[in-house]
Amino acid sequence: MGALSHALDMTEGQPAGHCIRCCWIGVQLGRELGLSAQALSDLYYTLLLKDLGCSSNAARICELYLADDLAFKRDFKLVDSSLSQVLGFVISHTGLQAGLAERFRSVLNILRNGGTISRELIETRCQRGAEIARQMHFSESVAHGILDLDEHFDGGGKPQGLRGEEISLFARIALMCQVIDVFYVSGGRDAARNEARRRSGSWFDPSLVAMFLELSAADSFWETVGSLELESLVLSLEPAQSVRMADEDYLDDIAAAFARVIDAKSPFTSGH
């Protein structure tokens, strides 16, 4: 799972260890919530594998935005839902290497159909990720955590526009941890804490934000997040040590799931 999480980091344009850091932060929140051992296990795998569907929209992003999908995904993680940020991102990331006329057509198409395009990209990503999780024999709780990853607490997310506790708890934790790590890597602990506060009640569950702010007030929290030993620490957590017996059919399903992640990068390799 550790190797797959690193591959997903690269496919999503994130620095190495993104999912590992998200996993550690999220498990601390799960423990603070008093989740059962089974729920903590499901949360653990949701966090490590939250980006299982990330390769499925890569080619579509390149086609629509005339952009490198890795740089696009990396930088988009820093954008919130405000019109000014979204417009600025579209203009600064669309067709930079294309001709002026082609770039203008692409920007115009995105401005006209941005809501539909965004929903389509997110729906493809989340549904494919949930399908692959099921194929790898993870629970429905893990699959739903991945499926709901881009839903926002105020109902402004995608693809279904779920609100509040309609959203899987694991997805609410995973989305917040994802944004926290992105801002931590780009701007440090203060940037991460400030962004969590800023999105409380809109993107994030306010009760989870309050819990995170309390936990992250300690220097030891960030020392662990930034530790070179964090991966070993995360992989030594109880769920990672549980033994799963795999027969030939199960191993075939795991191999097929890995292949789906790889093949989805391009329509030309679908089913390859």
C-alpha atoms as a PDB file:
ATOM      1  CA  MET A   1       0.000   0.000   0.000  1.00  0.00           C
ATOM      2  CA  GLY A   2       2.900   2.332   0.719  1.00  0.00           C
ATOM      3  CA  ALA A   3       4.267   1.863  -2.804  1.00  0.00           C
ATOM      4  CA  LEU A   4       0.838   2.440  -4.357  1.00  0.00           C
ATOM      5  CA  SER A   5       0.322   5.602  -2.301  1.00  0.00           C
ATOM      6  CA  HIS A   6       3.640   6.972  -3.634  1.00  0.00           C
ATOM      7  CA  ALA A   7       2.546   6.197  -7.198  1.00  0.00           C
ATOM      8  CA  LEU A   8      -0.730   8.032  -6.572  1.00  0.00           C
ATOM      9  CA  ASP A   9       1.183  11.054  -5.231  1.00  0.00           C
ATOM     10  CA  MET A  10       3.111  11.252  -8.507  1.00  0.00           C
ATOM     11  CA  THR A  11      -0.005  10.777 -10.632  1.00  0.00           C
ATOM     12  CA  GLU A  12      -1.775  13.558  -8.733  1.00  0.00           C
ATOM     13  CA  GLY A  13       1.208  15.910  -9.086  1.00  0.00           C
ATOM     14  CA  GLN A  14       1.878  15.954  -5.350  1.00  0.00           C
ATOM     15  CA  PRO A  15       5.260  15.784  -3.601  1.00  0.00           C
ATOM     16  CA  ALA A  16       6.373  12.414  -2.291  1.00  0.00           C
ATOM     17  CA  GLY A  17       4.721  11.467   0.979  1.00  0.00           C
ATOM     18  CA  HIS A  18       1.497  13.441   0.458  1.00  0.00           C
ATOM     19  CA  CYS A  19      -0.829  10.502   1.146  1.00  0.00           C
ATOM     20  CA  ILE A  20       1.404   9.295   3.987  1.00  0.00           C
ATOM     21  CA  ARG A  21       1.177  12.698   5.706  1.00  0.00           C
ATOM     22  CA  CYS A  22      -2.580  12.853   5.100  1.00  0.00           C
ATOM     23  CA  CYS A  23      -2.909   9.385   6.587  1.00  0.00           C
ATOM     24  CA  TRP A  24      -1.049  10.256   9.772  1.00  0.00           C
ATOM     25  CA  ILE A  25      -2.984  13.499  10.302  1.00  0.00           C
ATOM     26  CA  GLY A  26      -6.309  11.797   9.590  1.00  0.00           C
ATOM     27  CA  VAL A  27      -5.653   8.852  11.893  1.00  0.00           C
ATOM     28  CA  GLN A  28      -4.876  11.287  14.731  1.00  0.00           C
ATOM     29  CA  LEU A  29      -8.277  12.872  14.137  1.00  0.00           C
ATOM     30  CA  GLY A  30      -9.914   9.440  14.025  1.00  0.00           C
ATOM     31  CA  ARG A  31      -8.377   8.497  17.348  1.00  0.00           C
ATOM     32  CA  GLU A  32      -9.497  11.789  18.867  1.00  0.00           C
ATOM     33  CA  LEU A  33     -13.025  11.026  17.632  1.00  0.00           C
ATOM     34  CA  GLY A  34     -12.883   7.666  19.415  1.00  0.00           C
ATOM     35  CA  LEU A  35     -13.442   5.587  16.281  1.00  0.00           C
ATOM     36  CA  SER A  36     -13.527   1.813  16.641  1.00  0.00           C
ATOM     37  CA  ALA A  37     -10.595  -0.316  15.487  1.00  0.00           C
ATOM     38  CA  GLN A  38     -12.479  -1.297  12.315  1.00  0.00           C
ATOM     39  CA  ALA A  39     -13.425   2.303  11.542  1.00  0.00           C
ATOM     40  CA  LEU A  40      -9.819   3.424  12.082  1.00  0.00           C
ATOM     41  CA  SER A  41      -8.679   0.701   9.697  1.00  0.00           C
ATOM     42  CA  ASP A  42     -11.147   1.866   7.034  1.00  0.00           C
ATOM     43  CA  LEU A  43     -10.134   5.497   7.573  1.00  0.00           C
ATOM     44  CA  TYR A  44      -6.464   4.528   7.260  1.00  0.00           C
ATOM     45  CA  TYR A  45      -6.971   2.943   3.835  1.00  0.00           C
ATOM     46  CA  THR A  46      -9.272   5.736   2.668  1.00  0.00           C
ATOM     47  CA  LEU A  47      -6.512   8.251   3.385  1.00  0.00           C
ATOM     48  CA  LEU A  48      -3.726   6.222   1.791  1.00  0.00           C
ATOM     49  CA  LEU A  49      -5.774   5.448  -1.323  1.00  0.00           C
ATOM     50  CA  LYS A  50      -7.934   8.573  -1.637  1.00  0.00           C
ATOM     51  CA  ASP A  51      -6.460   9.319  -5.083  1.00  0.00           C
ATOM     52  CA  LEU A  52      -7.066   5.880  -6.632  1.00  0.00           C
ATOM     53  CA  GLY A  53      -9.060   7.462  -9.460  1.00  0.00           C
ATOM     54  CA  CYS A  54      -6.681  10.352 -10.108  1.00  0.00           C
ATOM     55  CA  SER A  55      -5.261   9.003 -13.373  1.00  0.00           C
ATOM     56  CA  SER A  56      -8.707   8.680 -14.971  1.00  0.00           C
ATOM     57  CA  ASN A  57      -9.072  12.386 -15.819  1.00  0.00           C
ATOM     58  CA  ALA A  58      -5.462  13.098 -16.839  1.00  0.00           C
ATOM     59  CA  ALA A  59      -5.991  12.920 -20.602  1.00  0.00           C
ATOM     60  CA  ARG A  60      -9.210  14.942 -20.378  1.00  0.00           C
ATOM     61  CA  ILE A  61      -7.433  17.710 -18.442  1.00  0.00           C
ATOM     62  CA  CYS A  62      -4.711  17.864 -21.101  1.00  0.00           C
ATOM     63  CA  GLU A  63      -7.351  18.032 -23.841  1.00  0.00           C
ATOM     64  CA  LEU A  64      -9.549  20.684 -22.232  1.00  0.00           C
ATOM     65  CA  TYR A  65      -6.920  22.937 -20.682  1.00  0.00           C
ATOM     66  CA  LEU A  66      -4.053  22.326 -23.143  1.00  0.00           C
ATOM     67  CA  ALA A  67      -1.893  21.850 -20.066  1.00  0.00           C
ATOM     68  CA  ASP A  68       0.359  19.372 -18.313  1.00  0.00           C
ATOM     69  CA  ASP A  69      -2.002  17.469 -16.036  1.00  0.00           C
ATOM     70  CA  LEU A  70       0.527  17.053 -13.199  1.00  0.00           C
ATOM     71  CA  ALA A  71       1.291  20.770 -12.864  1.00  0.00           C
ATOM     72  CA  PHE A  72      -2.400  21.557 -13.310  1.00  0.00           C
ATOM     73  CA  LYS A  73      -3.478  19.191 -10.514  1.00  0.00           C
ATOM     74  CA  ARG A  74      -0.676  20.319  -8.206  1.00  0.00           C
ATOM     75  CA  ASP A  75      -1.517  24.008  -8.490  1.00  0.00           C
ATOM     76  CA  PHE A  76      -5.298  23.516  -8.476  1.00  0.00           C
ATOM     77  CA  LYS A  77      -5.062  22.079  -4.960  1.00  0.00           C
ATOM     78  CA  LEU A  78      -4.229  25.614  -3.755  1.00  0.00           C
ATOM     79  CA  VAL A  79      -7.405  27.124  -5.244  1.00  0.00           C
ATOM     80  CA  ASP A  80     -10.645  27.519  -3.313  1.00  0.00           C
ATOM     81  CA  SER A  81     -14.147  27.995  -4.758  1.00  0.00           C
ATOM     82  CA  SER A  82     -14.037  31.797  -5.042  1.00  0.00           C
ATOM     83  CA  LEU A  83     -14.681  33.173  -8.528  1.00  0.00           C
ATOM     84  CA  SER A  84     -11.553  35.326  -8.500  1.00  0.00           C
ATOM     85  CA  GLN A  85      -9.259  32.406  -7.679  1.00  0.00           C
ATOM     86  CA  VAL A  86     -10.905  30.077 -10.191  1.00  0.00           C
ATOM     87  CA  LEU A  87     -10.753  32.669 -12.998  1.00  0.00           C
ATOM     88  CA  GLY A  88      -7.153  33.502 -12.191  1.00  0.00           C
ATOM     89  CA  PHE A  89      -6.229  29.834 -12.235  1.00  0.00           C
ATOM     90  CA  VAL A  90      -7.957  29.149 -15.565  1.00  0.00           C
ATOM     91  CA  ILE A  91      -6.309  32.104 -17.293  1.00  0.00           C
ATOM     92  CA  SER A  92      -2.856  31.363 -15.855  1.00  0.00           C
ATOM     93  CA  HIS A  93      -2.906  27.609 -16.580  1.00  0.00           C
ATOM     94  CA  THR A  94      -4.755  27.154 -19.877  1.00  0.00           C
ATOM     95  CA  GLY A  95      -2.894  26.747 -23.160  1.00  0.00           C
ATOM     96  CA  LEU A  96       0.333  28.452 -22.149  1.00  0.00           C
ATOM     97  CA  GLN A  97       2.229  26.620 -24.900  1.00  0.00           C
ATOM     98  CA  ALA A  98      -0.595  26.837 -27.468  1.00  0.00           C
ATOM     99  CA  GLY A  99      -1.205  29.417 -30.169  1.00  0.00           C
ATOM    100  CA  LEU A 100      -3.188  32.518 -29.253  1.00  0.00           C
ATOM    101  CA  ALA A 101      -6.344  31.484 -31.129  1.00  0.00           C
ATOM    102  CA  GLU A 102      -6.316  27.955 -29.709  1.00  0.00           C
ATOM    103  CA  ARG A 103      -5.743  29.268 -26.209  1.00  0.00           C
ATOM    104  CA  PHE A 104      -8.584  31.781 -26.566  1.00  0.00           C
ATOM    105  CA  ARG A 105     -10.997  29.038 -27.709  1.00  0.00           C
ATOM    106  CA  SER A 106     -10.027  26.818 -24.787  1.00  0.00           C
ATOM    107  CA  VAL A 107     -10.407  29.573 -22.193  1.00  0.00           C
ATOM    108  CA  LEU A 108     -13.771  30.595 -23.675  1.00  0.00           C
ATOM    109  CA  ASN A 109     -15.017  26.988 -23.589  1.00  0.00           C
ATOM    110  CA  ILE A 110     -13.998  26.636 -19.945  1.00  0.00           C
ATOM    111  CA  LEU A 111     -15.615  29.937 -18.956  1.00  0.00           C
ATOM    112  CA  ARG A 112     -18.851  28.927 -20.692  1.00  0.00           C
ATOM    113  CA  ASN A 113     -18.977  25.314 -19.507  1.00  0.00           C
ATOM    114  CA  GLY A 114     -16.762  25.330 -16.425  1.00  0.00           C
ATOM    115  CA  GLY A 115     -19.340  23.905 -14.022  1.00  0.00           C
ATOM    116  CA  THR A 116     -20.164  20.967 -16.272  1.00  0.00           C
ATOM    117  CA  ILE A 117     -16.509  20.303 -17.074  1.00  0.00           C
ATOM    118  CA  SER A 118     -15.487  20.381 -13.417  1.00  0.00           C
ATOM    119  CA  ARG A 119     -18.320  18.066 -12.384  1.00  0.00           C
ATOM    120  CA  GLU A 120     -17.455  15.633 -15.178  1.00  0.00           C
ATOM    121  CA  LEU A 121     -13.765  15.499 -14.218  1.00  0.00           C
ATOM    122  CA  ILE A 122     -14.477  15.031 -10.510  1.00  0.00           C
ATOM    123  CA  GLU A 123     -17.236  12.480 -11.071  1.00  0.00           C
ATOM    124  CA  THR A 124     -14.980  10.392 -13.305  1.00  0.00           C
ATOM    125  CA  ARG A 125     -12.157  10.556 -10.769  1.00  0.00           C
ATOM    126  CA  CYS A 126     -14.243   9.730  -7.703  1.00  0.00           C
ATOM    127  CA  GLN A 127     -16.337   6.984  -9.268  1.00  0.00           C
ATOM    128  CA  ARG A 128     -13.291   5.270 -10.768  1.00  0.00           C
ATOM    129  CA  GLY A 129     -11.451   5.472  -7.441  1.00  0.00           C
ATOM    130  CA  ALA A 130     -14.371   3.902  -5.569  1.00  0.00           C
ATOM    131  CA  GLU A 131     -14.652   1.130  -8.175  1.00  0.00           C
ATOM    132  CA  ILE A 132     -10.959   0.284  -7.863  1.00  0.00           C
ATOM    133  CA  ALA A 133     -11.198   0.223  -4.054  1.00  0.00           C
ATOM    134  CA  ARG A 134     -14.035  -2.294  -4.309  1.00  0.00           C
ATOM    135  CA  GLN A 135     -12.032  -4.339  -6.808  1.00  0.00           C
ATOM    136  CA  MET A 136      -9.221  -4.507  -4.236  1.00  0.00           C
ATOM    137  CA  HIS A 137     -11.760  -5.890  -1.713  1.00  0.00           C
ATOM    138  CA  PHE A 138     -11.851  -2.845   0.542  1.00  0.00           C
ATOM    139  CA  SER A 139     -15.057  -2.118   2.440  1.00  0.00           C
ATOM    140  CA  GLU A 140     -17.932   0.046   1.240  1.00  0.00           C
ATOM    141  CA  SER A 141     -16.886   2.569   3.894  1.00  0.00           C
ATOM    142  CA  VAL A 142     -13.529   2.988   2.140  1.00  0.00           C
ATOM    143  CA  ALA A 143     -15.204   3.169  -1.282  1.00  0.00           C
ATOM    144  CA  HIS A 144     -17.648   5.844  -0.086  1.00  0.00           C
ATOM    145  CA  GLY A 145     -14.834   7.821   1.509  1.00  0.00           C
ATOM    146  CA  ILE A 146     -13.120   7.979  -1.879  1.00  0.00           C
ATOM    147  CA  LEU A 147     -16.393   8.613  -3.744  1.00  0.00           C
ATOM    148  CA  ASP A 148     -17.285  11.652  -1.580  1.00  0.00           C
ATOM    149  CA  LEU A 149     -13.776  13.147  -1.452  1.00  0.00           C
ATOM    150  CA  ASP A 150     -14.646  16.354  -3.333  1.00  0.00           C
ATOM    151  CA  GLU A 151     -17.931  17.098  -1.561  1.00  0.00           C
ATOM    152  CA  HIS A 152     -17.932  20.234   0.621  1.00  0.00           C
ATOM    153  CA  PHE A 153     -19.585  20.662   3.999  1.00  0.00           C
ATOM    154  CA  ASP A 154     -21.763  23.565   2.786  1.00  0.00           C
ATOM    155  CA  GLY A 155     -23.070  21.609  -0.219  1.00  0.00           C
ATOM    156  CA  GLY A 156     -20.912  23.459  -2.736  1.00  0.00           C
ATOM    157  CA  GLY A 157     -18.762  20.476  -3.693  1.00  0.00           C
ATOM    158  CA  LYS A 158     -19.020  17.933  -6.486  1.00  0.00           C
ATOM    159  CA  PRO A 159     -20.211  15.722  -8.027  1.00  0.00           C
ATOM    160  CA  GLN A 160     -23.428  15.298  -6.001  1.00  0.00           C
ATOM    161  CA  GLY A 161     -23.528  18.495  -3.948  1.00  0.00           C
ATOM    162  CA  LEU A 162     -23.856  16.581  -0.678  1.00  0.00           C
ATOM    163  CA  ARG A 163     -24.045  18.640   2.503  1.00  0.00           C
ATOM    164  CA  GLY A 164     -22.941  18.182   6.121  1.00  0.00           C
ATOM    165  CA  GLU A 165     -23.294  14.668   7.472  1.00  0.00           C
ATOM    166  CA  GLU A 166     -24.634  13.430   4.138  1.00  0.00           C
ATOM    167  CA  ILE A 167     -20.930  13.270   3.265  1.00  0.00           C
ATOM    168  CA  SER A 168     -18.986  10.247   4.474  1.00  0.00           C
ATOM    169  CA  LEU A 169     -17.047  11.022   7.659  1.00  0.00           C
ATOM    170  CA  PHE A 170     -13.937   9.517   6.071  1.00  0.00           C
ATOM    171  CA  ALA A 171     -14.301  11.844   3.068  1.00  0.00           C
ATOM    172  CA  ARG A 172     -14.733  14.877   5.337  1.00  0.00           C
ATOM    173  CA  ILE A 173     -11.519  13.944   7.129  1.00  0.00           C
ATOM    174  CA  ALA A 174      -9.629  13.094   3.918  1.00  0.00           C
ATOM    175  CA  LEU A 175     -10.501  16.343   2.122  1.00  0.00           C
ATOM    176  CA  MET A 176      -9.401  18.440   5.081  1.00  0.00           C
ATOM    177  CA  CYS A 177      -6.168  16.474   5.517  1.00  0.00           C
ATOM    178  CA  GLN A 178      -5.453  16.826   1.801  1.00  0.00           C
ATOM    179  CA  VAL A 179      -5.741  20.613   1.886  1.00  0.00           C
ATOM    180  CA  ILE A 180      -3.822  20.834   5.172  1.00  0.00           C
ATOM    181  CA  ASP A 181      -0.889  18.927   3.678  1.00  0.00           C
ATOM    182  CA  VAL A 182      -0.867  20.937   0.442  1.00  0.00           C
ATOM    183  CA  PHE A 183      -0.687  24.219   2.357  1.00  0.00           C
ATOM    184  CA  TYR A 184       1.790  22.807   4.877  1.00  0.00           C
ATOM    185  CA  VAL A 185       4.172  21.789   2.084  1.00  0.00           C
ATOM    186  CA  SER A 186       3.771  25.090   0.221  1.00  0.00           C
ATOM    187  CA  GLY A 187       3.687  27.489   3.172  1.00  0.00           C
ATOM    188  CA  GLY A 188       4.365  25.769   6.485  1.00  0.00           C
ATOM    189  CA  ARG A 189       2.281  25.022   9.565  1.00  0.00           C
ATOM    190  CA  ASP A 190       0.778  28.507   9.898  1.00  0.00           C
ATOM    191  CA  ALA A 191      -0.461  28.420   6.300  1.00  0.00           C
ATOM    192  CA  ALA A 192      -2.048  25.005   6.913  1.00  0.00           C
ATOM    193  CA  ARG A 193      -3.779  26.100  10.116  1.00  0.00           C
ATOM    194  CA  ASN A 194      -4.979  29.376   8.591  1.00  0.00           C
ATOM    195  CA  GLU A 195      -6.438  27.622   5.550  1.00  0.00           C
ATOM    196  CA  ALA A 196      -8.279  25.137   7.766  1.00  0.00           C
ATOM    197  CA  ARG A 197      -9.818  28.055   9.680  1.00  0.00           C
ATOM    198  CA  ARG A 198     -10.703  29.889   6.467  1.00  0.00           C
ATOM    199  CA  ARG A 199     -12.550  26.913   4.954  1.00  0.00           C
ATOM    200  CA  SER A 200     -14.306  25.902   8.181  1.00  0.00           C
ATOM    201  CA  GLY A 201     -18.038  25.663   7.544  1.00  0.00           C
ATOM    202  CA  SER A 202     -17.642  25.944   3.774  1.00  0.00           C
ATOM    203  CA  TRP A 203     -15.391  23.118   2.610  1.00  0.00           C
ATOM    204  CA  PHE A 204     -14.730  21.583   6.029  1.00  0.00           C
ATOM    205  CA  ASP A 205     -16.739  20.245   8.944  1.00  0.00           C
ATOM    206  CA  PRO A 206     -16.259  22.904  11.687  1.00  0.00           C
ATOM    207  CA  SER A 207     -16.023  20.259  14.416  1.00  0.00           C
ATOM    208  CA  LEU A 208     -13.137  18.564  12.589  1.00  0.00           C
ATOM    209  CA  VAL A 209     -11.401  21.904  12.049  1.00  0.00           C
ATOM    210  CA  ALA A 210     -11.634  22.695  15.770  1.00  0.00           C
ATOM    211  CA  MET A 211     -10.205  19.278  16.590  1.00  0.00           C
ATOM    212  CA  PHE A 212      -7.352  19.719  14.108  1.00  0.00           C
ATOM    213  CA  LEU A 213      -6.482  23.180  15.437  1.00  0.00           C
ATOM    214  CA  GLU A 214      -6.290  21.810  18.969  1.00  0.00           C
ATOM    215  CA  LEU A 215      -4.113  18.838  17.973  1.00  0.00           C
ATOM    216  CA  SER A 216      -1.834  20.897  15.729  1.00  0.00           C
ATOM    217  CA  ALA A 217      -1.143  23.562  18.351  1.00  0.00           C
ATOM    218  CA  ALA A 218       1.635  21.324  19.693  1.00  0.00           C
ATOM    219  CA  ASP A 219       5.100  21.534  18.121  1.00  0.00           C
ATOM    220  CA  SER A 220       5.354  17.748  18.370  1.00  0.00           C
ATOM    221  CA  PHE A 221       2.473  17.387  15.890  1.00  0.00           C
ATOM    222  CA  TRP A 222       4.411  19.163  13.130  1.00  0.00           C
ATOM    223  CA  GLU A 223       7.704  17.566  14.098  1.00  0.00           C
ATOM    224  CA  THR A 224       6.097  14.208  13.377  1.00  0.00           C
ATOM    225  CA  VAL A 225       4.497  15.396  10.114  1.00  0.00           C
ATOM    226  CA  GLY A 226       7.889  16.607   8.887  1.00  0.00           C
ATOM    227  CA  SER A 227       9.887  13.642  10.175  1.00  0.00           C
ATOM    228  CA  LEU A 228      11.918  11.488   7.797  1.00  0.00           C
ATOM    229  CA  GLU A 229      10.610   8.512   9.781  1.00  0.00           C
ATOM    230  CA  LEU A 230       6.950   9.319   9.157  1.00  0.00           C
ATOM    231  CA  GLU A 231       6.448   6.681   6.463  1.00  0.00           C
ATOM    232  CA  SER A 232       7.794   3.938   8.721  1.00  0.00           C
ATOM    233  CA  LEU A 233       5.583   5.231  11.524  1.00  0.00           C
ATOM    234  CA  VAL A 234       2.452   5.236   9.347  1.00  0.00           C
ATOM    235  CA  LEU A 235       3.120   1.775   7.927  1.00  0.00           C
ATOM    236  CA  SER A 236       3.647   0.430  11.440  1.00  0.00           C
ATOM    237  CA  LEU A 237       0.170   1.515  12.536  1.00  0.00           C
ATOM    238  CA  GLU A 238      -2.163  -1.338  13.438  1.00  0.00           C
ATOM    239  CA  PRO A 239      -4.249  -1.544  10.222  1.00  0.00           C
ATOM    240  CA  ALA A 240      -1.115  -1.903   8.107  1.00  0.00           C
ATOM    241  CA  GLN A 241      -0.026  -4.852  10.219  1.00  0.00           C
ATOM    242  CA  SER A 242      -3.281  -6.780   9.847  1.00  0.00           C
ATOM    243  CA  VAL A 243      -2.941  -9.964   7.811  1.00  0.00           C
ATOM    244  CA  ARG A 244      -5.167 -10.479   4.771  1.00  0.00           C
ATOM    245  CA  MET A 245      -5.178 -13.917   3.214  1.00  0.00           C
ATOM    246  CA  ALA A 246      -5.111 -13.662  -0.573  1.00  0.00           C
ATOM    247  CA  ASP A 247      -5.922 -16.554  -2.871  1.00  0.00           C
ATOM    248  CA  GLU A 248      -5.168 -16.509  -6.599  1.00  0.00           C
ATOM    249  CA  ASP A 249      -8.443 -14.774  -7.460  1.00  0.00           C
ATOM    250  CA  TYR A 250      -7.803 -12.005  -4.921  1.00  0.00           C
ATOM    251  CA  LEU A 251      -4.254 -11.499  -6.222  1.00  0.00           C
ATOM    252  CA  ASP A 252      -5.668 -11.268  -9.749  1.00  0.00           C
ATOM    253  CA  ASP A 253      -8.119  -8.597  -8.571  1.00  0.00           C
ATOM    254  CA  ILE A 254      -5.306  -6.589  -6.953  1.00  0.00           C
ATOM    255  CA  ALA A 255      -3.162  -6.821 -10.094  1.00  0.00           C
ATOM    256  CA  ALA A 256      -6.123  -5.802 -12.263  1.00  0.00           C
ATOM    257  CA  ALA A 257      -6.811  -2.827  -9.983  1.00  0.00           C
ATOM    258  CA  PHE A 258      -3.191  -1.651 -10.274  1.00  0.00           C
ATOM    259  CA  ALA A 259      -3.481  -2.034 -14.049  1.00  0.00           C
ATOM    260  CA  ARG A 260      -6.649   0.096 -14.130  1.00  0.00           C
ATOM    261  CA  VAL A 261      -4.834   2.938 -12.368  1.00  0.00           C
ATOM    262  CA  ILE A 262      -2.002   2.779 -14.912  1.00  0.00           C
ATOM    263  CA  ASP A 263      -4.119   2.264 -18.033  1.00  0.00           C
ATOM    264  CA  ALA A 264      -6.522   5.100 -17.169  1.00  0.00           C
ATOM    265  CA  LYS A 265      -3.769   7.670 -17.718  1.00  0.00           C
ATOM    266  CA  SER A 266      -4.582   7.729 -21.431  1.00  0.00           C
ATOM    267  CA  PRO A 267      -7.573   6.620 -23.546  1.00  0.00           C
ATOM    268  CA  PHE A 268      -5.070   4.918 -25.848  1.00  0.00           C
ATOM    269  CA  THR A 269      -4.059   2.487 -23.089  1.00  0.00           C
ATOM    270  CA  SER A 270      -7.535   1.783 -21.701  1.00  0.00           C
ATOM    271  CA  GLY A 271      -7.748  -1.950 -21.048  1.00  0.00           C
ATOM    272  CA  HIS A 272      -4.143  -2.406 -22.149  1.00  0.00           C
END
